[in-house]
Amino acid sequence: MDHLFKDFRQKGILAFRDDNQLPRGEEISSQLYKAIEESRFLIVIFSKNYASSSWCLRELVKIIECKQTGEHKHEVQIIFYDVKPDVVRKQTESYAEAFLKHEISNRIEVAKWREALIMASNLSGWDLQGQANGYESKLIDSISKEILVKLCNGPLHVGENLVALDARIEKMNLLRFVCSSKAHMVGICAFWMISKERPNDMD
């Protein structure tokens, strides 16, 4: 799903991707945990080989934990890329084969992984074959637009004690940029006015 992250960048959505921004390894680093905890949207892309990676399964457990706590209002987006939801939920086919190996090498964690897969697959998700008829570009556009709309749906923090900006903002008509799929740049030039009373001894 390289095109998904490329589309995010084009729309100005900051996306953290574990496979090229962190060193690979069996142990999930504290940096990855922090990225998951601080993200508003957590996207899980299920593929045929997803369950074969203990790295991915540990990430999924963390993602489900974040959703359950709800402290930072995490929203989990599920994408079924080349696998059906029922395969993930019931852990059949390639998922069954993967867990046969996990039962030998990671038996302690298997129960948590199975539960996380069931919970994730029960969430409302995007099915490449079912919803987009196999057209990846159509699916990507739908996902990025939905996330962009949700990101735009809220007030922006602009600071306090702003002077004489209302009239200028009205002229700029910034509302035309809200939730636009294109990138826009606005230049702002400002200056400070500082007044300071002179000490009495300088009169």
C-alpha atoms as a PDB file:
ATOM      1  CA  MET A   1       0.000   0.000   0.000  1.00  0.00           C
ATOM      2  CA  ASP A   2       2.798   2.420  -0.855  1.00  0.00           C
ATOM      3  CA  HIS A   3       0.309   4.479  -2.852  1.00  0.00           C
ATOM      4  CA  LEU A   4      -1.783   5.039   0.290  1.00  0.00           C
ATOM      5  CA  PHE A   5       1.065   6.783   2.100  1.00  0.00           C
ATOM      6  CA  LYS A   6       1.933   8.763  -1.014  1.00  0.00           C
ATOM      7  CA  ASP A   7      -1.679   9.950  -1.199  1.00  0.00           C
ATOM      8  CA  PHE A   8      -1.540  10.920   2.489  1.00  0.00           C
ATOM      9  CA  ARG A   9       1.515  13.081   1.828  1.00  0.00           C
ATOM     10  CA  GLN A  10      -0.153  14.774  -1.132  1.00  0.00           C
ATOM     11  CA  LYS A  11      -3.155  15.652   1.032  1.00  0.00           C
ATOM     12  CA  GLY A  12      -0.982  16.927   3.876  1.00  0.00           C
ATOM     13  CA  ILE A  13      -1.745  14.015   6.237  1.00  0.00           C
ATOM     14  CA  LEU A  14       1.234  13.115   8.422  1.00  0.00           C
ATOM     15  CA  ALA A  15       1.538   9.326   8.512  1.00  0.00           C
ATOM     16  CA  PHE A  16       3.970   7.267  10.573  1.00  0.00           C
ATOM     17  CA  ARG A  17       4.984   4.031   8.895  1.00  0.00           C
ATOM     18  CA  ASP A  18       6.784   1.425  10.948  1.00  0.00           C
ATOM     19  CA  ASP A  19       8.425  -0.567   8.158  1.00  0.00           C
ATOM     20  CA  ASN A  20      10.693   2.203   6.936  1.00  0.00           C
ATOM     21  CA  GLN A  21      10.921   4.576   9.890  1.00  0.00           C
ATOM     22  CA  LEU A  22      12.044   2.062  12.502  1.00  0.00           C
ATOM     23  CA  PRO A  23      14.669  -0.671  12.470  1.00  0.00           C
ATOM     24  CA  ARG A  24      13.072  -4.066  12.018  1.00  0.00           C
ATOM     25  CA  GLY A  25      13.269  -6.634  14.743  1.00  0.00           C
ATOM     26  CA  GLU A  26      11.204  -8.988  16.805  1.00  0.00           C
ATOM     27  CA  GLU A  27      10.925  -6.592  19.747  1.00  0.00           C
ATOM     28  CA  ILE A  28       8.631  -3.591  19.295  1.00  0.00           C
ATOM     29  CA  SER A  29      10.551  -0.528  20.369  1.00  0.00           C
ATOM     30  CA  SER A  30       9.341   2.153  22.761  1.00  0.00           C
ATOM     31  CA  GLN A  31       9.464   4.563  19.827  1.00  0.00           C
ATOM     32  CA  LEU A  32       6.818   2.579  17.989  1.00  0.00           C
ATOM     33  CA  TYR A  33       4.631   2.325  21.094  1.00  0.00           C
ATOM     34  CA  LYS A  34       4.848   6.083  21.488  1.00  0.00           C
ATOM     35  CA  ALA A  35       3.909   6.646  17.847  1.00  0.00           C
ATOM     36  CA  ILE A  36       0.868   4.391  18.237  1.00  0.00           C
ATOM     37  CA  GLU A  37      -0.215   6.082  21.464  1.00  0.00           C
ATOM     38  CA  GLU A  38       0.077   9.598  20.020  1.00  0.00           C
ATOM     39  CA  SER A  39      -1.673   8.902  16.711  1.00  0.00           C
ATOM     40  CA  ARG A  40      -5.311   9.744  16.206  1.00  0.00           C
ATOM     41  CA  PHE A  41      -5.852   7.269  13.370  1.00  0.00           C
ATOM     42  CA  LEU A  42      -4.400   3.772  13.570  1.00  0.00           C
ATOM     43  CA  ILE A  43      -4.527   1.934  10.254  1.00  0.00           C
ATOM     44  CA  VAL A  44      -4.211  -1.843  10.136  1.00  0.00           C
ATOM     45  CA  ILE A  45      -3.693  -3.405   6.704  1.00  0.00           C
ATOM     46  CA  PHE A  46      -4.510  -7.104   6.740  1.00  0.00           C
ATOM     47  CA  SER A  47      -2.843  -9.138   3.996  1.00  0.00           C
ATOM     48  CA  LYS A  48      -2.483 -12.865   3.403  1.00  0.00           C
ATOM     49  CA  ASN A  49       0.889 -12.911   5.163  1.00  0.00           C
ATOM     50  CA  TYR A  50      -0.011 -10.546   8.021  1.00  0.00           C
ATOM     51  CA  ALA A  51      -0.352 -13.291  10.646  1.00  0.00           C
ATOM     52  CA  SER A  52       3.086 -14.704   9.849  1.00  0.00           C
ATOM     53  CA  SER A  53       4.731 -11.631  11.385  1.00  0.00           C
ATOM     54  CA  SER A  54       4.968 -11.606  15.172  1.00  0.00           C
ATOM     55  CA  TRP A  55       6.012  -7.943  14.807  1.00  0.00           C
ATOM     56  CA  CYS A  56       2.662  -7.070  13.171  1.00  0.00           C
ATOM     57  CA  LEU A  57       0.670  -9.083  15.698  1.00  0.00           C
ATOM     58  CA  ARG A  58       2.318  -7.336  18.635  1.00  0.00           C
ATOM     59  CA  GLU A  59       1.540  -3.994  17.016  1.00  0.00           C
ATOM     60  CA  LEU A  60      -2.077  -5.058  16.632  1.00  0.00           C
ATOM     61  CA  VAL A  61      -2.341  -5.943  20.330  1.00  0.00           C
ATOM     62  CA  LYS A  62      -1.049  -2.478  21.217  1.00  0.00           C
ATOM     63  CA  ILE A  63      -3.469  -0.817  18.787  1.00  0.00           C
ATOM     64  CA  ILE A  64      -6.454  -2.672  20.266  1.00  0.00           C
ATOM     65  CA  GLU A  65      -5.319  -1.735  23.776  1.00  0.00           C
ATOM     66  CA  CYS A  66      -5.196   1.942  22.780  1.00  0.00           C
ATOM     67  CA  LYS A  67      -8.676   1.764  21.306  1.00  0.00           C
ATOM     68  CA  GLN A  68     -10.064   0.136  24.439  1.00  0.00           C
ATOM     69  CA  THR A  69      -8.615   2.721  26.817  1.00  0.00           C
ATOM     70  CA  GLY A  70      -9.984   5.564  24.704  1.00  0.00           C
ATOM     71  CA  GLU A  71      -7.794   8.121  26.486  1.00  0.00           C
ATOM     72  CA  HIS A  72      -6.712   9.826  23.251  1.00  0.00           C
ATOM     73  CA  LYS A  73      -9.794   9.026  21.150  1.00  0.00           C
ATOM     74  CA  HIS A  74      -7.961   6.638  18.850  1.00  0.00           C
ATOM     75  CA  GLU A  75      -9.814   5.666  15.699  1.00  0.00           C
ATOM     76  CA  VAL A  76      -8.828   2.337  14.182  1.00  0.00           C
ATOM     77  CA  GLN A  77      -9.171   1.939  10.414  1.00  0.00           C
ATOM     78  CA  ILE A  78      -9.091  -1.647   9.135  1.00  0.00           C
ATOM     79  CA  ILE A  79      -8.134  -2.481   5.542  1.00  0.00           C
ATOM     80  CA  PHE A  80      -8.592  -5.999   4.178  1.00  0.00           C
ATOM     81  CA  TYR A  81      -6.160  -5.850   1.301  1.00  0.00           C
ATOM     82  CA  ASP A  82      -5.901  -9.312  -0.261  1.00  0.00           C
ATOM     83  CA  VAL A  83      -7.678 -11.345   2.404  1.00  0.00           C
ATOM     84  CA  LYS A  84     -11.343 -11.649   3.371  1.00  0.00           C
ATOM     85  CA  PRO A  85     -12.532 -10.475   6.823  1.00  0.00           C
ATOM     86  CA  ASP A  86     -13.821 -13.952   7.646  1.00  0.00           C
ATOM     87  CA  VAL A  87     -10.344 -15.450   7.146  1.00  0.00           C
ATOM     88  CA  VAL A  88      -8.877 -12.981   9.641  1.00  0.00           C
ATOM     89  CA  ARG A  89     -11.723 -13.403  12.127  1.00  0.00           C
ATOM     90  CA  LYS A  90     -11.687 -17.209  12.133  1.00  0.00           C
ATOM     91  CA  GLN A  91      -7.951 -17.448  11.415  1.00  0.00           C
ATOM     92  CA  THR A  92      -8.273 -19.917   8.574  1.00  0.00           C
ATOM     93  CA  GLU A  93      -6.190 -20.520   5.406  1.00  0.00           C
ATOM     94  CA  SER A  94      -2.840 -18.661   5.570  1.00  0.00           C
ATOM     95  CA  TYR A  95      -3.654 -17.398   9.095  1.00  0.00           C
ATOM     96  CA  ALA A  96      -4.142 -20.961  10.324  1.00  0.00           C
ATOM     97  CA  GLU A  97      -0.785 -21.956   8.841  1.00  0.00           C
ATOM     98  CA  ALA A  98       0.932 -19.005  10.513  1.00  0.00           C
ATOM     99  CA  PHE A  99      -0.499 -19.842  13.933  1.00  0.00           C
ATOM    100  CA  LEU A 100       0.690 -23.418  13.709  1.00  0.00           C
ATOM    101  CA  LYS A 101       4.224 -21.995  13.708  1.00  0.00           C
ATOM    102  CA  HIS A 102       3.441 -19.434  16.416  1.00  0.00           C
ATOM    103  CA  GLU A 103       2.142 -22.181  18.697  1.00  0.00           C
ATOM    104  CA  ILE A 104       5.686 -23.545  18.709  1.00  0.00           C
ATOM    105  CA  SER A 105       7.779 -20.364  18.913  1.00  0.00           C
ATOM    106  CA  ASN A 106       5.463 -17.826  20.622  1.00  0.00           C
ATOM    107  CA  ARG A 107       2.941 -19.906  22.555  1.00  0.00           C
ATOM    108  CA  ILE A 108       2.679 -17.406  25.438  1.00  0.00           C
ATOM    109  CA  GLU A 109       1.526 -14.605  23.142  1.00  0.00           C
ATOM    110  CA  VAL A 110      -0.724 -16.603  20.822  1.00  0.00           C
ATOM    111  CA  ALA A 111      -3.915 -16.145  22.874  1.00  0.00           C
ATOM    112  CA  LYS A 112      -3.539 -12.347  22.856  1.00  0.00           C
ATOM    113  CA  TRP A 113      -2.837 -12.333  19.121  1.00  0.00           C
ATOM    114  CA  ARG A 114      -5.892 -14.428  18.334  1.00  0.00           C
ATOM    115  CA  GLU A 115      -8.128 -12.203  20.434  1.00  0.00           C
ATOM    116  CA  ALA A 116      -6.722  -9.042  18.833  1.00  0.00           C
ATOM    117  CA  LEU A 117      -7.375 -10.424  15.344  1.00  0.00           C
ATOM    118  CA  ILE A 118     -10.975 -11.249  16.234  1.00  0.00           C
ATOM    119  CA  MET A 119     -11.608  -7.810  17.722  1.00  0.00           C
ATOM    120  CA  ALA A 120      -9.980  -5.987  14.807  1.00  0.00           C
ATOM    121  CA  SER A 121     -11.791  -7.986  12.135  1.00  0.00           C
ATOM    122  CA  ASN A 122     -15.118  -7.233  13.816  1.00  0.00           C
ATOM    123  CA  LEU A 123     -14.533  -3.495  13.377  1.00  0.00           C
ATOM    124  CA  SER A 124     -15.967  -1.720  10.374  1.00  0.00           C
ATOM    125  CA  GLY A 125     -13.308  -1.892   7.687  1.00  0.00           C
ATOM    126  CA  TRP A 126     -12.407  -1.436   4.044  1.00  0.00           C
ATOM    127  CA  ASP A 127     -12.447  -4.491   1.808  1.00  0.00           C
ATOM    128  CA  LEU A 128     -10.464  -4.027  -1.406  1.00  0.00           C
ATOM    129  CA  GLN A 129     -12.374  -6.732  -3.245  1.00  0.00           C
ATOM    130  CA  GLY A 130     -15.776  -6.174  -1.702  1.00  0.00           C
ATOM    131  CA  GLN A 131     -15.969  -2.365  -1.687  1.00  0.00           C
ATOM    132  CA  ALA A 132     -13.611  -1.241  -4.441  1.00  0.00           C
ATOM    133  CA  ASN A 133     -13.895  -4.218  -6.815  1.00  0.00           C
ATOM    134  CA  GLY A 134     -10.139  -4.672  -6.622  1.00  0.00           C
ATOM    135  CA  TYR A 135      -9.330  -1.097  -7.658  1.00  0.00           C
ATOM    136  CA  GLU A 136      -6.643  -0.009  -5.218  1.00  0.00           C
ATOM    137  CA  SER A 137      -6.695   3.650  -6.299  1.00  0.00           C
ATOM    138  CA  LYS A 138     -10.430   3.881  -5.601  1.00  0.00           C
ATOM    139  CA  LEU A 139      -9.979   2.424  -2.134  1.00  0.00           C
ATOM    140  CA  ILE A 140      -7.058   4.726  -1.340  1.00  0.00           C
ATOM    141  CA  ASP A 141      -8.984   7.815  -2.407  1.00  0.00           C
ATOM    142  CA  SER A 142     -11.957   6.852  -0.224  1.00  0.00           C
ATOM    143  CA  ILE A 143      -9.794   6.228   2.846  1.00  0.00           C
ATOM    144  CA  SER A 144      -7.707   9.386   2.594  1.00  0.00           C
ATOM    145  CA  LYS A 145     -10.750  11.579   1.939  1.00  0.00           C
ATOM    146  CA  GLU A 146     -12.574  10.197   4.967  1.00  0.00           C
ATOM    147  CA  ILE A 147      -9.576  10.799   7.229  1.00  0.00           C
ATOM    148  CA  LEU A 148      -9.043  14.285   5.804  1.00  0.00           C
ATOM    149  CA  VAL A 149     -12.657  15.265   6.454  1.00  0.00           C
ATOM    150  CA  LYS A 150     -12.407  14.073  10.067  1.00  0.00           C
ATOM    151  CA  LEU A 151      -9.135  15.948  10.581  1.00  0.00           C
ATOM    152  CA  CYS A 152     -10.714  19.132   9.221  1.00  0.00           C
ATOM    153  CA  ASN A 153     -13.809  18.762  11.369  1.00  0.00           C
ATOM    154  CA  GLY A 154     -12.766  20.876  14.325  1.00  0.00           C
ATOM    155  CA  PRO A 155     -11.585  24.344  15.385  1.00  0.00           C
ATOM    156  CA  LEU A 156      -7.989  25.415  14.929  1.00  0.00           C
ATOM    157  CA  HIS A 157      -6.000  26.851  17.815  1.00  0.00           C
ATOM    158  CA  VAL A 158      -4.657  30.272  16.800  1.00  0.00           C
ATOM    159  CA  GLY A 159      -3.447  31.736  20.069  1.00  0.00           C
ATOM    160  CA  GLU A 160      -4.680  34.611  22.182  1.00  0.00           C
ATOM    161  CA  ASN A 161      -4.679  38.438  22.075  1.00  0.00           C
ATOM    162  CA  LEU A 162      -4.736  38.677  18.287  1.00  0.00           C
ATOM    163  CA  VAL A 163      -5.349  42.244  17.111  1.00  0.00           C
ATOM    164  CA  ALA A 164      -7.153  43.536  13.984  1.00  0.00           C
ATOM    165  CA  LEU A 165      -7.312  40.170  12.209  1.00  0.00           C
ATOM    166  CA  ASP A 166     -11.048  39.668  11.722  1.00  0.00           C
ATOM    167  CA  ALA A 167     -11.424  41.970   8.732  1.00  0.00           C
ATOM    168  CA  ARG A 168      -8.355  40.576   7.005  1.00  0.00           C
ATOM    169  CA  ILE A 169      -9.433  36.975   7.588  1.00  0.00           C
ATOM    170  CA  GLU A 170     -12.819  37.693   6.032  1.00  0.00           C
ATOM    171  CA  LYS A 171     -11.101  39.025   2.909  1.00  0.00           C
ATOM    172  CA  MET A 172      -8.965  35.892   2.624  1.00  0.00           C
ATOM    173  CA  ASN A 173     -12.069  33.634   2.679  1.00  0.00           C
ATOM    174  CA  LEU A 174     -10.124  30.737   4.195  1.00  0.00           C
ATOM    175  CA  LEU A 175     -13.207  28.541   4.332  1.00  0.00           C
ATOM    176  CA  ARG A 176     -12.730  27.699   0.661  1.00  0.00           C
ATOM    177  CA  PHE A 177      -9.646  25.682   1.642  1.00  0.00           C
ATOM    178  CA  VAL A 178     -11.344  23.542   4.309  1.00  0.00           C
ATOM    179  CA  CYS A 179     -11.217  19.830   3.442  1.00  0.00           C
ATOM    180  CA  SER A 180      -9.829  20.566   0.002  1.00  0.00           C
ATOM    181  CA  SER A 181      -8.009  17.639  -1.582  1.00  0.00           C
ATOM    182  CA  LYS A 182      -5.317  19.989  -2.918  1.00  0.00           C
ATOM    183  CA  ALA A 183      -2.347  21.528  -1.128  1.00  0.00           C
ATOM    184  CA  HIS A 184      -2.529  25.263  -0.392  1.00  0.00           C
ATOM    185  CA  MET A 185      -0.058  27.737   1.051  1.00  0.00           C
ATOM    186  CA  VAL A 186      -0.924  30.928   2.884  1.00  0.00           C
ATOM    187  CA  GLY A 187       1.749  33.473   3.755  1.00  0.00           C
ATOM    188  CA  ILE A 188       1.297  35.466   6.963  1.00  0.00           C
ATOM    189  CA  CYS A 189       3.339  38.539   7.784  1.00  0.00           C
ATOM    190  CA  ALA A 190       3.046  40.035  11.256  1.00  0.00           C
ATOM    191  CA  PHE A 191       4.807  42.483  13.556  1.00  0.00           C
ATOM    192  CA  TRP A 192       4.835  43.078  17.270  1.00  0.00           C
ATOM    193  CA  MET A 193       3.940  46.340  18.987  1.00  0.00           C
ATOM    194  CA  ILE A 194       5.564  46.603  22.385  1.00  0.00           C
ATOM    195  CA  SER A 195       5.019  49.542  24.721  1.00  0.00           C
ATOM    196  CA  LYS A 196       7.105  50.046  27.806  1.00  0.00           C
ATOM    197  CA  GLU A 197       6.765  52.811  30.347  1.00  0.00           C
ATOM    198  CA  ARG A 198       9.945  54.632  31.178  1.00  0.00           C
ATOM    199  CA  PRO A 199      11.061  54.522  34.804  1.00  0.00           C
ATOM    200  CA  ASN A 200      10.257  57.637  36.834  1.00  0.00           C
ATOM    201  CA  ASP A 201      13.922  58.453  37.278  1.00  0.00           C
ATOM    202  CA  MET A 202      14.285  58.933  33.518  1.00  0.00           C
ATOM    203  CA  ASP A 203      11.687  61.760  33.379  1.00  0.00           C
END
